[in-house]
Amino acid sequence: MSDSIPSSAPKPKRKHRFLRGVGLFLCWVALFLPVAWATAAIHFDFNVPSLRVPLTIVFALVMVLAFIVVKSRLRAMGVFVGGFLLVFAWCS
C-alpha cells in the first residue's frame, strides 16, 4: 500500500487558501453593513442640508479608496471600522 495522497484530494495548502479567502469575504460582508449604515446616517442626520450629499459621497469614496488603495487588508478593515466608529460617535 502506498502512503501517498490520492491525486483527486485537494492539497492542504489549497484548502487553507480557499478557507482564508472565504473568511476574508465574510469579514468584508460583515464590515459592509455598518459602513452602509454610517453612510445613510450621514445622509439623513447631518444638520446642514446643503452638505448632506457631498459628505455622504466623500465618506463613501474614502471607504472605497481604502478598500482599493490600502495594501494590507487588515489596515483597510481598520479604516472601515474607524470610519464607522467616528460616525457612530457623532450620531450618539
N, C-alpha and C. Protein backbone atom coordinates (compact mmCIF):
# COMPACT_ATOMS: atom_id res chain seq x y z
N MET A 1 0.82 -1.19 0.00
CA MET A 1 0.00 0.00 0.00
C MET A 1 0.86 1.25 0.00
N SER A 2 0.41 2.22 -0.69
CA SER A 2 1.15 3.47 -0.79
C SER A 2 0.59 4.49 0.19
N ASP A 3 1.46 5.29 0.80
CA ASP A 3 1.03 6.32 1.75
C ASP A 3 0.78 7.66 1.09
N SER A 4 0.83 7.71 -0.21
CA SER A 4 0.66 8.99 -0.89
C SER A 4 -0.82 9.40 -0.91
N ILE A 5 -1.05 10.69 -0.99
CA ILE A 5 -2.40 11.25 -1.04
C ILE A 5 -2.94 11.06 -2.45
N PRO A 6 -4.18 10.60 -2.58
CA PRO A 6 -4.75 10.47 -3.93
C PRO A 6 -4.76 11.80 -4.65
N SER A 7 -4.58 11.76 -5.95
CA SER A 7 -4.48 12.99 -6.73
C SER A 7 -5.78 13.76 -6.76
N SER A 8 -6.92 13.12 -6.49
CA SER A 8 -8.20 13.82 -6.51
C SER A 8 -8.43 14.65 -5.26
N ALA A 9 -7.72 14.36 -4.17
CA ALA A 9 -7.90 15.13 -2.93
C ALA A 9 -7.16 16.46 -3.06
N PRO A 10 -7.80 17.57 -2.61
CA PRO A 10 -7.11 18.86 -2.70
C PRO A 10 -5.93 18.91 -1.74
N LYS A 11 -4.94 19.64 -2.15
CA LYS A 11 -3.77 19.80 -1.30
C LYS A 11 -4.16 20.63 -0.08
N PRO A 12 -3.55 20.36 1.08
CA PRO A 12 -3.89 21.13 2.28
C PRO A 12 -3.64 22.63 2.10
N LYS A 13 -2.61 23.00 1.36
CA LYS A 13 -2.33 24.41 1.16
C LYS A 13 -3.44 25.08 0.36
N ARG A 14 -3.95 24.40 -0.65
CA ARG A 14 -5.03 24.94 -1.46
C ARG A 14 -6.30 25.08 -0.63
N LYS A 15 -6.57 24.11 0.22
CA LYS A 15 -7.76 24.17 1.09
C LYS A 15 -7.64 25.33 2.07
N HIS A 16 -6.45 25.51 2.64
CA HIS A 16 -6.23 26.61 3.58
C HIS A 16 -6.42 27.96 2.89
N ARG A 17 -5.93 28.05 1.68
CA ARG A 17 -6.06 29.30 0.91
C ARG A 17 -7.53 29.59 0.61
N PHE A 18 -8.28 28.56 0.27
CA PHE A 18 -9.70 28.73 0.00
C PHE A 18 -10.44 29.18 1.25
N LEU A 19 -10.16 28.55 2.38
CA LEU A 19 -10.83 28.92 3.63
C LEU A 19 -10.47 30.34 4.05
N ARG A 20 -9.22 30.72 3.82
CA ARG A 20 -8.81 32.10 4.13
C ARG A 20 -9.57 33.09 3.26
N GLY A 21 -9.73 32.76 1.99
CA GLY A 21 -10.49 33.63 1.08
C GLY A 21 -11.94 33.75 1.49
N VAL A 22 -12.54 32.65 1.89
CA VAL A 22 -13.94 32.68 2.35
C VAL A 22 -14.04 33.51 3.62
N GLY A 23 -13.09 33.35 4.52
CA GLY A 23 -13.09 34.13 5.76
C GLY A 23 -12.96 35.63 5.50
N LEU A 24 -12.07 36.00 4.60
CA LEU A 24 -11.91 37.42 4.24
C LEU A 24 -13.18 37.98 3.60
N PHE A 25 -13.79 37.18 2.74
CA PHE A 25 -15.03 37.62 2.11
C PHE A 25 -16.11 37.86 3.16
N LEU A 26 -16.24 36.95 4.12
CA LEU A 26 -17.25 37.11 5.16
C LEU A 26 -16.95 38.33 6.05
N CYS A 27 -15.68 38.59 6.30
CA CYS A 27 -15.31 39.78 7.08
C CYS A 27 -15.70 41.05 6.34
N TRP A 28 -15.44 41.10 5.04
CA TRP A 28 -15.79 42.29 4.26
C TRP A 28 -17.31 42.47 4.21
N VAL A 29 -18.04 41.39 4.09
CA VAL A 29 -19.51 41.49 4.10
C VAL A 29 -19.98 42.01 5.44
N ALA A 30 -19.38 41.49 6.53
CA ALA A 30 -19.75 41.95 7.87
C ALA A 30 -19.38 43.42 8.09
N LEU A 31 -18.32 43.91 7.46
CA LEU A 31 -17.93 45.31 7.59
C LEU A 31 -18.74 46.22 6.67
N PHE A 32 -19.27 45.68 5.60
CA PHE A 32 -20.05 46.49 4.68
C PHE A 32 -21.32 47.02 5.34
N LEU A 33 -21.97 46.22 6.14
CA LEU A 33 -23.24 46.63 6.76
C LEU A 33 -23.10 47.84 7.67
N PRO A 34 -22.15 47.87 8.61
CA PRO A 34 -22.02 49.08 9.43
C PRO A 34 -21.58 50.31 8.63
N VAL A 35 -20.77 50.10 7.59
CA VAL A 35 -20.36 51.24 6.76
C VAL A 35 -21.54 51.76 5.95
N ALA A 36 -22.39 50.87 5.49
CA ALA A 36 -23.60 51.30 4.78
C ALA A 36 -24.51 52.08 5.73
N TRP A 37 -24.62 51.61 6.98
CA TRP A 37 -25.40 52.34 7.97
C TRP A 37 -24.80 53.73 8.22
N ALA A 38 -23.48 53.80 8.34
CA ALA A 38 -22.82 55.08 8.59
C ALA A 38 -23.04 56.04 7.43
N THR A 39 -22.99 55.53 6.22
CA THR A 39 -23.23 56.37 5.05
C THR A 39 -24.66 56.92 5.08
N ALA A 40 -25.62 56.07 5.39
CA ALA A 40 -27.01 56.52 5.48
C ALA A 40 -27.19 57.49 6.65
N ALA A 41 -26.50 57.26 7.75
CA ALA A 41 -26.60 58.16 8.90
C ALA A 41 -26.10 59.56 8.55
N ILE A 42 -25.01 59.63 7.81
CA ILE A 42 -24.51 60.94 7.39
C ILE A 42 -25.55 61.63 6.50
N HIS A 43 -26.11 60.87 5.59
CA HIS A 43 -27.07 61.45 4.64
C HIS A 43 -28.34 61.94 5.33
N PHE A 44 -28.86 61.19 6.27
CA PHE A 44 -30.15 61.54 6.87
C PHE A 44 -30.05 62.39 8.13
N ASP A 45 -28.93 62.33 8.86
CA ASP A 45 -28.84 63.00 10.15
C ASP A 45 -27.98 64.25 10.18
N PHE A 46 -27.30 64.57 9.10
CA PHE A 46 -26.43 65.74 9.13
C PHE A 46 -27.29 67.00 9.18
N ASN A 47 -26.90 67.97 10.01
CA ASN A 47 -27.73 69.15 10.29
C ASN A 47 -27.77 70.16 9.15
N VAL A 48 -26.76 70.23 8.33
CA VAL A 48 -26.71 71.21 7.25
C VAL A 48 -27.17 70.52 5.95
N PRO A 49 -28.38 70.81 5.50
CA PRO A 49 -28.92 70.10 4.33
C PRO A 49 -28.06 70.21 3.07
N SER A 50 -27.42 71.34 2.87
CA SER A 50 -26.63 71.51 1.64
C SER A 50 -25.35 70.67 1.65
N LEU A 51 -24.93 70.19 2.80
CA LEU A 51 -23.71 69.38 2.89
C LEU A 51 -23.99 67.88 3.01
N ARG A 52 -25.23 67.49 3.10
CA ARG A 52 -25.56 66.07 3.29
C ARG A 52 -25.03 65.20 2.15
N VAL A 53 -25.37 65.56 0.94
CA VAL A 53 -24.96 64.73 -0.20
C VAL A 53 -23.44 64.78 -0.40
N PRO A 54 -22.79 65.94 -0.37
CA PRO A 54 -21.34 65.94 -0.55
C PRO A 54 -20.59 65.13 0.52
N LEU A 55 -21.00 65.25 1.78
CA LEU A 55 -20.32 64.48 2.83
C LEU A 55 -20.58 62.99 2.70
N THR A 56 -21.78 62.64 2.27
CA THR A 56 -22.08 61.23 2.05
C THR A 56 -21.20 60.66 0.95
N ILE A 57 -21.04 61.40 -0.12
CA ILE A 57 -20.21 60.96 -1.24
C ILE A 57 -18.75 60.86 -0.82
N VAL A 58 -18.26 61.85 -0.07
CA VAL A 58 -16.87 61.83 0.38
C VAL A 58 -16.62 60.62 1.28
N PHE A 59 -17.52 60.37 2.22
CA PHE A 59 -17.37 59.23 3.12
C PHE A 59 -17.34 57.92 2.33
N ALA A 60 -18.28 57.77 1.41
CA ALA A 60 -18.33 56.54 0.61
C ALA A 60 -17.07 56.38 -0.24
N LEU A 61 -16.59 57.47 -0.82
CA LEU A 61 -15.36 57.40 -1.63
C LEU A 61 -14.14 57.04 -0.79
N VAL A 62 -14.06 57.57 0.42
CA VAL A 62 -12.94 57.23 1.30
C VAL A 62 -12.97 55.74 1.63
N MET A 63 -14.14 55.20 1.87
CA MET A 63 -14.24 53.78 2.16
C MET A 63 -13.85 52.92 0.94
N VAL A 64 -14.30 53.32 -0.23
CA VAL A 64 -13.95 52.58 -1.45
C VAL A 64 -12.46 52.69 -1.72
N LEU A 65 -11.90 53.88 -1.57
CA LEU A 65 -10.46 54.06 -1.79
C LEU A 65 -9.65 53.28 -0.77
N ALA A 66 -10.11 53.21 0.47
CA ALA A 66 -9.41 52.40 1.47
C ALA A 66 -9.38 50.94 1.04
N PHE A 67 -10.47 50.47 0.49
CA PHE A 67 -10.53 49.09 0.03
C PHE A 67 -9.58 48.85 -1.14
N ILE A 68 -9.48 49.83 -2.04
CA ILE A 68 -8.68 49.65 -3.25
C ILE A 68 -7.20 49.96 -3.01
N VAL A 69 -6.90 51.05 -2.32
CA VAL A 69 -5.54 51.57 -2.23
C VAL A 69 -4.71 50.91 -1.12
N VAL A 70 -5.31 50.69 0.04
CA VAL A 70 -4.54 50.16 1.17
C VAL A 70 -4.17 48.71 0.88
N LYS A 71 -2.89 48.42 0.88
CA LYS A 71 -2.41 47.09 0.52
C LYS A 71 -2.74 46.05 1.60
N SER A 72 -2.54 46.41 2.85
CA SER A 72 -2.84 45.49 3.94
C SER A 72 -4.34 45.43 4.16
N ARG A 73 -4.91 44.25 3.99
CA ARG A 73 -6.36 44.09 4.17
C ARG A 73 -6.76 44.38 5.60
N LEU A 74 -5.88 44.08 6.56
CA LEU A 74 -6.19 44.34 7.95
C LEU A 74 -6.29 45.85 8.21
N ARG A 75 -5.39 46.60 7.61
CA ARG A 75 -5.45 48.06 7.76
C ARG A 75 -6.68 48.64 7.06
N ALA A 76 -7.03 48.11 5.92
CA ALA A 76 -8.23 48.56 5.22
C ALA A 76 -9.47 48.27 6.07
N MET A 77 -9.49 47.12 6.70
CA MET A 77 -10.61 46.81 7.60
C MET A 77 -10.63 47.77 8.78
N GLY A 78 -9.43 48.15 9.24
CA GLY A 78 -9.34 49.13 10.32
C GLY A 78 -9.90 50.48 9.92
N VAL A 79 -9.67 50.88 8.67
CA VAL A 79 -10.24 52.13 8.17
C VAL A 79 -11.76 52.03 8.15
N PHE A 80 -12.29 50.90 7.74
CA PHE A 80 -13.74 50.70 7.73
C PHE A 80 -14.31 50.81 9.14
N VAL A 81 -13.68 50.12 10.08
CA VAL A 81 -14.16 50.15 11.46
C VAL A 81 -14.02 51.54 12.04
N GLY A 82 -12.89 52.20 11.77
CA GLY A 82 -12.69 53.57 12.27
C GLY A 82 -13.70 54.55 11.71
N GLY A 83 -13.98 54.45 10.42
CA GLY A 83 -15.00 55.32 9.82
C GLY A 83 -16.36 55.10 10.43
N PHE A 84 -16.72 53.84 10.63
CA PHE A 84 -18.00 53.54 11.26
C PHE A 84 -18.04 54.09 12.68
N LEU A 85 -16.98 53.88 13.45
CA LEU A 85 -16.98 54.35 14.84
C LEU A 85 -17.04 55.87 14.95
N LEU A 86 -16.38 56.56 14.03
CA LEU A 86 -16.47 58.03 14.04
C LEU A 86 -17.90 58.50 13.80
N VAL A 87 -18.56 57.92 12.83
CA VAL A 87 -19.94 58.31 12.54
C VAL A 87 -20.85 57.89 13.68
N PHE A 88 -20.62 56.72 14.24
CA PHE A 88 -21.44 56.24 15.36
C PHE A 88 -21.31 57.17 16.56
N ALA A 89 -20.08 57.59 16.86
CA ALA A 89 -19.85 58.51 17.97
C ALA A 89 -20.51 59.86 17.70
N TRP A 90 -20.47 60.31 16.46
CA TRP A 90 -21.10 61.57 16.09
C TRP A 90 -22.62 61.50 16.24
N CYS A 91 -23.21 60.37 15.87
CA CYS A 91 -24.66 60.22 15.95
C CYS A 91 -25.16 60.04 17.37
N SER A 92 -24.32 59.54 18.25
CA SER A 92 -24.77 59.25 19.62
C SER A 92 -24.94 60.48 20.46
